[in-house]
Amino acid sequence: MERSQLSRDSAEYVEIIAEVFVETVRKAAVDAMCSEYGKEDITPALMECLQYLYLHGPSSIRDIASGLEVTLSAASQLVDRLVKKGLASRRENEKDRRLTMVEISDAGADRVSRMRERRYKWFESMINAMPEGKRRSFLDGLEGFLKVALTAEKNIDRACVRCGIQHMPFCVIDKIKRERAEEGAVK
């Protein structure tokens, strides 16, 4: 179908708008990360690793690799770079190096906290600029999409690993998990 013939209700148009939304939010996150330090200081991949440690606490390289969906080698390299910058530390197990625990430093936690605050303020300014009814529709639409998109247990677990925040009663992902558990108990 030619793009000039797309309807507003077509899946292709929705996919295009969703892609623009994701890229806009991603760029805001990168801008929040780089506004204070510059892109050369810490890359998005390093910030994602740092944020994982911030949200999940001391973690093994294996947990970091799994949570970020990267190889063990890539996770190890990210950790090496964070340690060199003083943003994280390693506690190696004397008997088995594979059991190394990585912990965010105070400087790393401060950096993530400030980045998250800038990102939240940007998002809050966007949401607050929307009329109340549009805000509610936006949230309902995002939650509705996630309920469908996160149908596989693997996808739900991946979303929770990325979030790292304690579940809130209104969390759509927690609702999906509870519904699945109830369905399993009924069967």
N, C-alpha and C. Protein backbone atom coordinates (compact mmCIF):
# COMPACT_ATOMS: atom_id res chain seq x y z
N MET A 1 0.84 -1.17 0.00
CA MET A 1 0.00 0.00 0.00
C MET A 1 0.89 1.24 0.00
N GLU A 2 0.54 2.21 -0.81
CA GLU A 2 1.31 3.44 -0.85
C GLU A 2 1.04 4.24 0.42
N ARG A 3 2.07 4.89 0.91
CA ARG A 3 1.92 5.65 2.15
C ARG A 3 0.89 6.76 2.02
N SER A 4 0.73 7.31 0.85
CA SER A 4 -0.26 8.38 0.66
C SER A 4 -1.68 7.83 0.79
N GLN A 5 -1.84 6.51 0.71
CA GLN A 5 -3.16 5.91 0.82
C GLN A 5 -3.41 5.26 2.19
N LEU A 6 -2.49 5.47 3.11
CA LEU A 6 -2.67 4.92 4.46
C LEU A 6 -3.88 5.55 5.13
N SER A 7 -4.63 4.75 5.84
CA SER A 7 -5.70 5.33 6.63
C SER A 7 -5.19 5.49 8.06
N ARG A 8 -5.81 6.36 8.79
CA ARG A 8 -5.41 6.59 10.18
C ARG A 8 -5.61 5.33 11.03
N ASP A 9 -6.52 4.47 10.64
CA ASP A 9 -6.82 3.25 11.40
C ASP A 9 -6.00 2.05 10.95
N SER A 10 -5.12 2.22 9.96
CA SER A 10 -4.36 1.07 9.47
C SER A 10 -3.25 0.68 10.46
N ALA A 11 -2.95 -0.60 10.50
CA ALA A 11 -1.89 -1.10 11.36
C ALA A 11 -0.55 -0.47 10.97
N GLU A 12 -0.34 -0.24 9.69
CA GLU A 12 0.92 0.35 9.24
C GLU A 12 1.10 1.76 9.80
N TYR A 13 0.03 2.55 9.77
CA TYR A 13 0.11 3.91 10.32
C TYR A 13 0.37 3.86 11.83
N VAL A 14 -0.33 2.99 12.53
CA VAL A 14 -0.14 2.85 13.97
C VAL A 14 1.30 2.46 14.26
N GLU A 15 1.85 1.54 13.48
CA GLU A 15 3.24 1.10 13.67
C GLU A 15 4.20 2.27 13.46
N ILE A 16 3.95 3.09 12.45
CA ILE A 16 4.80 4.25 12.18
C ILE A 16 4.75 5.23 13.36
N ILE A 17 3.55 5.52 13.83
CA ILE A 17 3.38 6.44 14.95
C ILE A 17 4.03 5.87 16.21
N ALA A 18 3.87 4.57 16.44
CA ALA A 18 4.49 3.93 17.60
C ALA A 18 6.01 4.03 17.52
N GLU A 19 6.56 3.84 16.33
CA GLU A 19 8.01 3.94 16.14
C GLU A 19 8.50 5.36 16.43
N VAL A 20 7.76 6.35 15.96
CA VAL A 20 8.12 7.74 16.23
C VAL A 20 8.04 8.02 17.74
N PHE A 21 7.01 7.49 18.40
CA PHE A 21 6.87 7.66 19.85
C PHE A 21 8.06 7.05 20.58
N VAL A 22 8.40 5.82 20.27
CA VAL A 22 9.51 5.13 20.93
C VAL A 22 10.81 5.89 20.70
N GLU A 23 11.04 6.32 19.48
CA GLU A 23 12.28 7.05 19.17
C GLU A 23 12.33 8.40 19.88
N THR A 24 11.19 9.07 20.00
CA THR A 24 11.13 10.35 20.70
C THR A 24 11.46 10.18 22.18
N VAL A 25 10.87 9.16 22.80
CA VAL A 25 11.13 8.90 24.22
C VAL A 25 12.59 8.45 24.41
N ARG A 26 13.08 7.61 23.51
CA ARG A 26 14.47 7.15 23.59
C ARG A 26 15.43 8.33 23.48
N LYS A 27 15.16 9.23 22.55
CA LYS A 27 16.02 10.40 22.37
C LYS A 27 15.98 11.30 23.60
N ALA A 28 14.81 11.45 24.19
CA ALA A 28 14.71 12.25 25.42
C ALA A 28 15.54 11.63 26.53
N ALA A 29 15.55 10.30 26.60
CA ALA A 29 16.35 9.61 27.62
C ALA A 29 17.83 9.83 27.37
N VAL A 30 18.25 9.73 26.12
CA VAL A 30 19.67 9.96 25.78
C VAL A 30 20.04 11.40 26.06
N ASP A 31 19.16 12.34 25.71
CA ASP A 31 19.43 13.75 25.99
C ASP A 31 19.53 14.00 27.49
N ALA A 32 18.66 13.36 28.27
CA ALA A 32 18.72 13.51 29.73
C ALA A 32 20.02 12.96 30.26
N MET A 33 20.47 11.87 29.68
CA MET A 33 21.71 11.23 30.11
C MET A 33 22.92 12.10 29.75
N CYS A 34 22.89 12.68 28.56
CA CYS A 34 24.06 13.38 28.04
C CYS A 34 24.08 14.87 28.36
N SER A 35 22.98 15.42 28.83
CA SER A 35 22.92 16.87 29.02
C SER A 35 23.96 17.37 30.01
N GLU A 36 24.30 16.55 30.98
CA GLU A 36 25.24 16.98 32.01
C GLU A 36 26.67 16.56 31.71
N TYR A 37 26.84 15.44 31.04
CA TYR A 37 28.17 14.86 30.91
C TYR A 37 28.70 14.78 29.48
N GLY A 38 27.83 14.76 28.51
CA GLY A 38 28.27 14.61 27.14
C GLY A 38 28.28 13.15 26.71
N LYS A 39 28.08 12.93 25.43
CA LYS A 39 27.97 11.57 24.90
C LYS A 39 29.27 10.79 25.00
N GLU A 40 30.40 11.48 25.02
CA GLU A 40 31.68 10.77 25.07
C GLU A 40 31.91 10.17 26.46
N ASP A 41 31.35 10.79 27.48
CA ASP A 41 31.58 10.34 28.85
C ASP A 41 30.90 9.01 29.14
N ILE A 42 29.65 8.89 28.75
CA ILE A 42 28.91 7.66 29.02
C ILE A 42 27.92 7.42 27.89
N THR A 43 28.00 6.26 27.30
CA THR A 43 27.15 5.91 26.16
C THR A 43 25.79 5.42 26.66
N PRO A 44 24.79 5.36 25.78
CA PRO A 44 23.50 4.80 26.18
C PRO A 44 23.63 3.36 26.71
N ALA A 45 24.50 2.56 26.13
CA ALA A 45 24.68 1.18 26.60
C ALA A 45 25.24 1.16 28.03
N LEU A 46 26.19 2.04 28.31
CA LEU A 46 26.73 2.13 29.67
C LEU A 46 25.67 2.60 30.66
N MET A 47 24.87 3.58 30.24
CA MET A 47 23.82 4.08 31.13
C MET A 47 22.77 3.00 31.38
N GLU A 48 22.47 2.22 30.36
CA GLU A 48 21.49 1.14 30.55
C GLU A 48 22.03 0.12 31.56
N CYS A 49 23.30 -0.21 31.47
CA CYS A 49 23.92 -1.14 32.42
C CYS A 49 23.92 -0.52 33.82
N LEU A 50 24.27 0.73 33.91
CA LEU A 50 24.30 1.44 35.19
C LEU A 50 22.90 1.49 35.80
N GLN A 51 21.91 1.76 34.96
CA GLN A 51 20.53 1.82 35.44
C GLN A 51 20.07 0.43 35.90
N TYR A 52 20.50 -0.62 35.22
CA TYR A 52 20.15 -1.97 35.65
C TYR A 52 20.66 -2.19 37.08
N LEU A 53 21.90 -1.82 37.34
CA LEU A 53 22.47 -1.97 38.68
C LEU A 53 21.73 -1.11 39.70
N TYR A 54 21.35 0.06 39.30
CA TYR A 54 20.61 0.99 40.16
C TYR A 54 19.27 0.39 40.58
N LEU A 55 18.59 -0.23 39.62
CA LEU A 55 17.26 -0.78 39.89
C LEU A 55 17.29 -2.14 40.57
N HIS A 56 18.33 -2.93 40.30
CA HIS A 56 18.35 -4.32 40.76
C HIS A 56 19.34 -4.59 41.88
N GLY A 57 20.19 -3.65 42.20
CA GLY A 57 21.17 -3.86 43.25
C GLY A 57 22.32 -4.73 42.76
N PRO A 58 23.20 -5.15 43.69
CA PRO A 58 24.35 -5.97 43.29
C PRO A 58 23.92 -7.16 42.44
N SER A 59 24.60 -7.33 41.31
CA SER A 59 24.20 -8.34 40.33
C SER A 59 25.42 -9.04 39.77
N SER A 60 25.22 -10.26 39.35
CA SER A 60 26.29 -10.99 38.67
C SER A 60 26.35 -10.54 37.21
N ILE A 61 27.46 -10.81 36.58
CA ILE A 61 27.60 -10.50 35.15
C ILE A 61 26.52 -11.25 34.37
N ARG A 62 26.25 -12.47 34.76
CA ARG A 62 25.22 -13.29 34.08
C ARG A 62 23.85 -12.61 34.18
N ASP A 63 23.51 -12.12 35.38
CA ASP A 63 22.22 -11.43 35.55
C ASP A 63 22.16 -10.16 34.71
N ILE A 64 23.25 -9.42 34.67
CA ILE A 64 23.31 -8.19 33.87
C ILE A 64 23.13 -8.54 32.39
N ALA A 65 23.85 -9.55 31.92
CA ALA A 65 23.75 -9.97 30.52
C ALA A 65 22.32 -10.37 30.19
N SER A 66 21.72 -11.14 31.07
CA SER A 66 20.34 -11.59 30.84
C SER A 66 19.38 -10.41 30.85
N GLY A 67 19.51 -9.53 31.84
CA GLY A 67 18.61 -8.39 31.95
C GLY A 67 18.73 -7.41 30.80
N LEU A 68 19.94 -7.24 30.29
CA LEU A 68 20.16 -6.31 29.18
C LEU A 68 20.03 -6.99 27.83
N GLU A 69 19.89 -8.32 27.86
CA GLU A 69 19.80 -9.13 26.64
C GLU A 69 21.03 -8.94 25.76
N VAL A 70 22.21 -9.09 26.40
CA VAL A 70 23.49 -9.03 25.70
C VAL A 70 24.28 -10.27 26.08
N THR A 71 25.38 -10.49 25.39
CA THR A 71 26.23 -11.64 25.70
C THR A 71 26.97 -11.41 27.01
N LEU A 72 27.47 -12.49 27.59
CA LEU A 72 28.28 -12.37 28.81
C LEU A 72 29.50 -11.49 28.55
N SER A 73 30.11 -11.66 27.40
CA SER A 73 31.28 -10.86 27.04
C SER A 73 30.94 -9.37 26.98
N ALA A 74 29.81 -9.05 26.35
CA ALA A 74 29.40 -7.65 26.24
C ALA A 74 29.10 -7.07 27.62
N ALA A 75 28.43 -7.83 28.46
CA ALA A 75 28.12 -7.37 29.81
C ALA A 75 29.41 -7.15 30.60
N SER A 76 30.35 -8.05 30.46
CA SER A 76 31.63 -7.93 31.16
C SER A 76 32.38 -6.67 30.71
N GLN A 77 32.34 -6.40 29.40
CA GLN A 77 33.00 -5.21 28.88
C GLN A 77 32.33 -3.93 29.39
N LEU A 78 30.99 -3.94 29.46
CA LEU A 78 30.29 -2.77 29.99
C LEU A 78 30.68 -2.54 31.45
N VAL A 79 30.72 -3.61 32.21
CA VAL A 79 31.09 -3.50 33.62
C VAL A 79 32.52 -2.99 33.75
N ASP A 80 33.44 -3.52 32.94
CA ASP A 80 34.83 -3.04 32.97
C ASP A 80 34.89 -1.53 32.77
N ARG A 81 34.14 -1.03 31.81
CA ARG A 81 34.15 0.40 31.52
C ARG A 81 33.55 1.21 32.68
N LEU A 82 32.48 0.69 33.29
CA LEU A 82 31.87 1.39 34.44
C LEU A 82 32.83 1.42 35.62
N VAL A 83 33.54 0.32 35.85
CA VAL A 83 34.51 0.26 36.95
C VAL A 83 35.63 1.26 36.71
N LYS A 84 36.14 1.33 35.46
CA LYS A 84 37.22 2.29 35.14
C LYS A 84 36.78 3.72 35.37
N LYS A 85 35.50 4.01 35.18
CA LYS A 85 34.98 5.37 35.37
C LYS A 85 34.59 5.64 36.82
N GLY A 86 34.72 4.63 37.67
CA GLY A 86 34.37 4.79 39.08
C GLY A 86 32.87 4.78 39.34
N LEU A 87 32.10 4.26 38.39
CA LEU A 87 30.65 4.25 38.53
C LEU A 87 30.11 2.93 39.07
N ALA A 88 30.96 1.92 39.14
CA ALA A 88 30.58 0.61 39.67
C ALA A 88 31.83 -0.06 40.23
N SER A 89 31.63 -1.09 41.02
CA SER A 89 32.76 -1.86 41.54
C SER A 89 32.45 -3.34 41.39
N ARG A 90 33.52 -4.13 41.36
CA ARG A 90 33.40 -5.58 41.27
C ARG A 90 33.85 -6.18 42.59
N ARG A 91 33.15 -7.22 42.99
CA ARG A 91 33.59 -8.04 44.11
C ARG A 91 33.75 -9.45 43.55
N GLU A 92 34.99 -9.82 43.31
CA GLU A 92 35.23 -11.13 42.70
C GLU A 92 35.25 -12.21 43.77
N ASN A 93 34.64 -13.32 43.42
CA ASN A 93 34.66 -14.50 44.27
C ASN A 93 36.03 -15.14 44.09
N GLU A 94 36.73 -15.34 45.19
CA GLU A 94 38.10 -15.87 45.11
C GLU A 94 38.16 -17.27 44.49
N LYS A 95 37.10 -18.04 44.65
CA LYS A 95 37.11 -19.42 44.15
C LYS A 95 36.58 -19.55 42.73
N ASP A 96 35.68 -18.65 42.34
CA ASP A 96 35.06 -18.76 41.02
C ASP A 96 34.77 -17.37 40.47
N ARG A 97 35.58 -16.92 39.52
CA ARG A 97 35.44 -15.57 38.95
C ARG A 97 34.08 -15.36 38.28
N ARG A 98 33.43 -16.46 37.86
CA ARG A 98 32.12 -16.35 37.23
C ARG A 98 31.07 -15.82 38.22
N LEU A 99 31.36 -15.89 39.49
CA LEU A 99 30.43 -15.46 40.53
C LEU A 99 30.69 -14.02 40.98
N THR A 100 31.41 -13.27 40.18
CA THR A 100 31.70 -11.86 40.47
C THR A 100 30.39 -11.09 40.62
N MET A 101 30.33 -10.28 41.66
CA MET A 101 29.17 -9.41 41.86
C MET A 101 29.57 -7.98 41.51
N VAL A 102 28.68 -7.30 40.86
CA VAL A 102 28.91 -5.92 40.43
C VAL A 102 27.93 -5.04 41.20
N GLU A 103 28.46 -3.93 41.72
CA GLU A 103 27.64 -3.02 42.52
C GLU A 103 27.85 -1.60 42.03
N ILE A 104 26.78 -0.85 41.97
CA ILE A 104 26.86 0.55 41.55
C ILE A 104 27.54 1.35 42.66
N SER A 105 28.37 2.31 42.28
CA SER A 105 29.02 3.18 43.27
C SER A 105 28.08 4.34 43.60
N ASP A 106 28.43 5.09 44.62
CA ASP A 106 27.63 6.27 44.96
C ASP A 106 27.59 7.25 43.79
N ALA A 107 28.73 7.41 43.11
CA ALA A 107 28.79 8.32 41.96
C ALA A 107 27.89 7.80 40.83
N GLY A 108 27.87 6.50 40.62
CA GLY A 108 27.02 5.91 39.59
C GLY A 108 25.55 6.06 39.93
N ALA A 109 25.20 5.81 41.19
CA ALA A 109 23.80 5.95 41.62
C ALA A 109 23.34 7.39 41.49
N ASP A 110 24.22 8.32 41.83
CA ASP A 110 23.88 9.74 41.71
C ASP A 110 23.64 10.11 40.25
N ARG A 111 24.47 9.60 39.37
CA ARG A 111 24.33 9.89 37.94
C ARG A 111 23.01 9.35 37.40
N VAL A 112 22.67 8.12 37.75
CA VAL A 112 21.41 7.52 37.28
C VAL A 112 20.23 8.28 37.86
N SER A 113 20.30 8.60 39.12
CA SER A 113 19.21 9.32 39.77
C SER A 113 18.95 10.66 39.09
N ARG A 114 20.00 11.39 38.79
CA ARG A 114 19.85 12.69 38.11
C ARG A 114 19.31 12.52 36.69
N MET A 115 19.79 11.50 35.98
CA MET A 115 19.30 11.25 34.62
C MET A 115 17.82 10.89 34.65
N ARG A 116 17.43 10.03 35.57
CA ARG A 116 16.03 9.62 35.67
C ARG A 116 15.15 10.83 36.03
N GLU A 117 15.62 11.68 36.90
CA GLU A 117 14.85 12.87 37.27
C GLU A 117 14.64 13.79 36.06
N ARG A 118 15.70 14.01 35.27
CA ARG A 118 15.56 14.85 34.06
C ARG A 118 14.59 14.20 33.08
N ARG A 119 14.69 12.90 32.93
CA ARG A 119 13.79 12.18 32.01
C ARG A 119 12.35 12.27 32.50
N TYR A 120 12.11 12.08 33.79
CA TYR A 120 10.76 12.18 34.34
C TYR A 120 10.19 13.58 34.17
N LYS A 121 11.02 14.59 34.39
CA LYS A 121 10.55 15.97 34.23
C LYS A 121 10.15 16.24 32.78
N TRP A 122 10.94 15.73 31.83
CA TRP A 122 10.60 15.91 30.43
C TRP A 122 9.27 15.23 30.13
N PHE A 123 9.12 13.98 30.58
CA PHE A 123 7.89 13.24 30.30
C PHE A 123 6.70 13.91 30.99
N GLU A 124 6.91 14.35 32.21
CA GLU A 124 5.84 15.03 32.94
C GLU A 124 5.39 16.30 32.20
N SER A 125 6.34 17.03 31.65
CA SER A 125 5.97 18.25 30.91
C SER A 125 5.16 17.91 29.66
N MET A 126 5.48 16.79 29.02
CA MET A 126 4.71 16.37 27.84
C MET A 126 3.29 15.96 28.25
N ILE A 127 3.19 15.16 29.30
CA ILE A 127 1.88 14.68 29.76
C ILE A 127 1.03 15.84 30.26
N ASN A 128 1.64 16.74 31.02
CA ASN A 128 0.88 17.87 31.56
C ASN A 128 0.41 18.84 30.48
N ALA A 129 1.06 18.83 29.34
CA ALA A 129 0.64 19.69 28.23
C ALA A 129 -0.59 19.12 27.51
N MET A 130 -0.91 17.85 27.80
CA MET A 130 -2.07 17.21 27.16
C MET A 130 -3.32 17.49 27.99
N PRO A 131 -4.47 17.65 27.33
CA PRO A 131 -5.72 17.78 28.10
C PRO A 131 -5.96 16.50 28.91
N GLU A 132 -6.61 16.63 30.07
CA GLU A 132 -6.84 15.50 30.98
C GLU A 132 -7.41 14.27 30.27
N GLY A 133 -8.42 14.47 29.44
CA GLY A 133 -9.03 13.34 28.73
C GLY A 133 -8.06 12.62 27.80
N LYS A 134 -7.19 13.38 27.17
CA LYS A 134 -6.18 12.78 26.28
C LYS A 134 -5.15 12.00 27.09
N ARG A 135 -4.79 12.54 28.27
CA ARG A 135 -3.84 11.83 29.14
C ARG A 135 -4.40 10.46 29.52
N ARG A 136 -5.66 10.42 29.94
CA ARG A 136 -6.29 9.16 30.33
C ARG A 136 -6.37 8.22 29.13
N SER A 137 -6.74 8.74 27.98
CA SER A 137 -6.81 7.91 26.77
C SER A 137 -5.43 7.37 26.39
N PHE A 138 -4.42 8.20 26.53
CA PHE A 138 -3.04 7.80 26.23
C PHE A 138 -2.63 6.64 27.13
N LEU A 139 -2.84 6.78 28.43
CA LEU A 139 -2.50 5.73 29.37
C LEU A 139 -3.31 4.46 29.10
N ASP A 140 -4.61 4.62 28.89
CA ASP A 140 -5.46 3.45 28.60
C ASP A 140 -4.97 2.74 27.33
N GLY A 141 -4.60 3.53 26.32
CA GLY A 141 -4.10 2.94 25.07
C GLY A 141 -2.79 2.20 25.27
N LEU A 142 -1.86 2.79 26.02
CA LEU A 142 -0.58 2.12 26.27
C LEU A 142 -0.80 0.83 27.06
N GLU A 143 -1.63 0.89 28.10
CA GLU A 143 -1.89 -0.32 28.89
C GLU A 143 -2.59 -1.38 28.05
N GLY A 144 -3.55 -0.97 27.22
CA GLY A 144 -4.25 -1.91 26.35
C GLY A 144 -3.29 -2.58 25.37
N PHE A 145 -2.40 -1.80 24.81
CA PHE A 145 -1.41 -2.36 23.89
C PHE A 145 -0.53 -3.37 24.61
N LEU A 146 -0.04 -3.01 25.79
CA LEU A 146 0.84 -3.91 26.54
C LEU A 146 0.14 -5.20 26.94
N LYS A 147 -1.14 -5.13 27.28
CA LYS A 147 -1.88 -6.34 27.63
C LYS A 147 -1.88 -7.34 26.47
N VAL A 148 -1.94 -6.84 25.26
CA VAL A 148 -1.93 -7.71 24.09
C VAL A 148 -0.50 -8.11 23.72
N ALA A 149 0.41 -7.14 23.74
CA ALA A 149 1.79 -7.39 23.29
C ALA A 149 2.56 -8.31 24.24
N LEU A 150 2.23 -8.28 25.51
CA LEU A 150 2.97 -9.07 26.49
C LEU A 150 2.27 -10.40 26.78
N THR A 151 1.75 -11.01 25.74
CA THR A 151 1.00 -12.25 25.95
C THR A 151 1.89 -13.41 26.37
N ALA A 152 3.10 -13.46 25.89
CA ALA A 152 4.00 -14.57 26.23
C ALA A 152 4.63 -14.30 27.59
N GLU A 153 4.73 -15.33 28.42
CA GLU A 153 5.34 -15.19 29.76
C GLU A 153 6.74 -14.60 29.66
N LYS A 154 7.48 -15.01 28.62
CA LYS A 154 8.85 -14.50 28.42
C LYS A 154 8.84 -12.98 28.26
N ASN A 155 7.86 -12.46 27.53
CA ASN A 155 7.76 -11.02 27.32
C ASN A 155 7.43 -10.28 28.62
N ILE A 156 6.58 -10.88 29.44
CA ILE A 156 6.22 -10.25 30.71
C ILE A 156 7.45 -10.20 31.61
N ASP A 157 8.16 -11.30 31.70
CA ASP A 157 9.36 -11.33 32.54
C ASP A 157 10.40 -10.33 32.05
N ARG A 158 10.55 -10.21 30.74
CA ARG A 158 11.51 -9.26 30.17
C ARG A 158 11.13 -7.83 30.55
N ALA A 159 9.85 -7.52 30.50
CA ALA A 159 9.40 -6.18 30.86
C ALA A 159 9.69 -5.89 32.33
N CYS A 160 9.48 -6.88 33.19
CA CYS A 160 9.74 -6.69 34.62
C CYS A 160 11.23 -6.51 34.89
N VAL A 161 12.07 -7.25 34.20
CA VAL A 161 13.51 -7.12 34.39
C VAL A 161 13.96 -5.71 33.99
N ARG A 162 13.40 -5.18 32.92
CA ARG A 162 13.78 -3.85 32.47
C ARG A 162 13.32 -2.77 33.44
N CYS A 163 12.15 -2.94 33.99
CA CYS A 163 11.58 -1.94 34.89
C CYS A 163 12.33 -1.92 36.21
N GLY A 164 12.36 -3.04 36.89
CA GLY A 164 13.09 -3.15 38.14
C GLY A 164 12.45 -2.45 39.32
N ILE A 165 11.26 -1.93 39.15
CA ILE A 165 10.58 -1.22 40.21
C ILE A 165 9.62 -2.18 40.91
N GLN A 166 9.49 -2.05 42.22
CA GLN A 166 8.54 -2.88 42.95
C GLN A 166 7.16 -2.69 42.33
N HIS A 167 6.42 -3.78 42.24
CA HIS A 167 5.09 -3.69 41.63
C HIS A 167 4.16 -2.82 42.45
N MET A 168 3.38 -2.06 41.72
CA MET A 168 2.37 -1.21 42.32
C MET A 168 1.03 -1.85 41.98
N PRO A 169 0.01 -1.66 42.80
CA PRO A 169 -1.28 -2.31 42.54
C PRO A 169 -1.84 -2.00 41.15
N PHE A 170 -1.51 -0.86 40.58
CA PHE A 170 -2.06 -0.47 39.29
C PHE A 170 -1.16 -0.82 38.11
N CYS A 171 -0.01 -1.45 38.36
CA CYS A 171 0.92 -1.80 37.28
C CYS A 171 0.27 -2.78 36.31
N VAL A 172 0.22 -2.42 35.04
CA VAL A 172 -0.43 -3.27 34.04
C VAL A 172 0.27 -4.63 33.93
N ILE A 173 1.56 -4.65 34.07
CA ILE A 173 2.29 -5.92 33.96
C ILE A 173 1.95 -6.82 35.15
N ASP A 174 1.87 -6.23 36.33
CA ASP A 174 1.48 -7.00 37.51
C ASP A 174 0.05 -7.52 37.36
N LYS A 175 -0.84 -6.71 36.79
CA LYS A 175 -2.22 -7.16 36.56
C LYS A 175 -2.25 -8.37 35.62
N ILE A 176 -1.46 -8.31 34.56
CA ILE A 176 -1.41 -9.43 33.61
C ILE A 176 -0.91 -10.68 34.32
N LYS A 177 0.14 -10.55 35.12
CA LYS A 177 0.68 -11.70 35.85
C LYS A 177 -0.36 -12.29 36.80
N ARG A 178 -1.07 -11.43 37.54
CA ARG A 178 -2.10 -11.91 38.47
C ARG A 178 -3.22 -12.63 37.73
N GLU A 179 -3.66 -12.05 36.60
CA GLU A 179 -4.72 -12.68 35.81
C GLU A 179 -4.28 -14.06 35.32
N ARG A 180 -3.05 -14.16 34.86
CA ARG A 180 -2.52 -15.45 34.40
C ARG A 180 -2.46 -16.47 35.53
N ALA A 181 -2.02 -16.00 36.71
CA ALA A 181 -1.94 -16.89 37.87
C ALA A 181 -3.33 -17.39 38.26
N GLU A 182 -4.31 -16.48 38.23
CA GLU A 182 -5.69 -16.86 38.57
C GLU A 182 -6.24 -17.85 37.55
N GLU A 183 -5.95 -17.62 36.26
CA GLU A 183 -6.39 -18.54 35.21
C GLU A 183 -5.78 -19.92 35.41
N GLY A 184 -4.48 -19.94 35.78
CA GLY A 184 -3.79 -21.22 36.03
C GLY A 184 -4.35 -21.94 37.22
N ALA A 185 -4.77 -21.20 38.23
CA ALA A 185 -5.32 -21.81 39.45
C ALA A 185 -6.71 -22.38 39.18
N VAL A 186 -7.44 -21.77 38.24
CA VAL A 186 -8.80 -22.22 37.92
C VAL A 186 -8.75 -23.52 37.11
N LYS A 187 -7.75 -23.68 36.28
CA LYS A 187 -7.67 -24.84 35.38
C LYS A 187 -7.44 -26.11 36.11
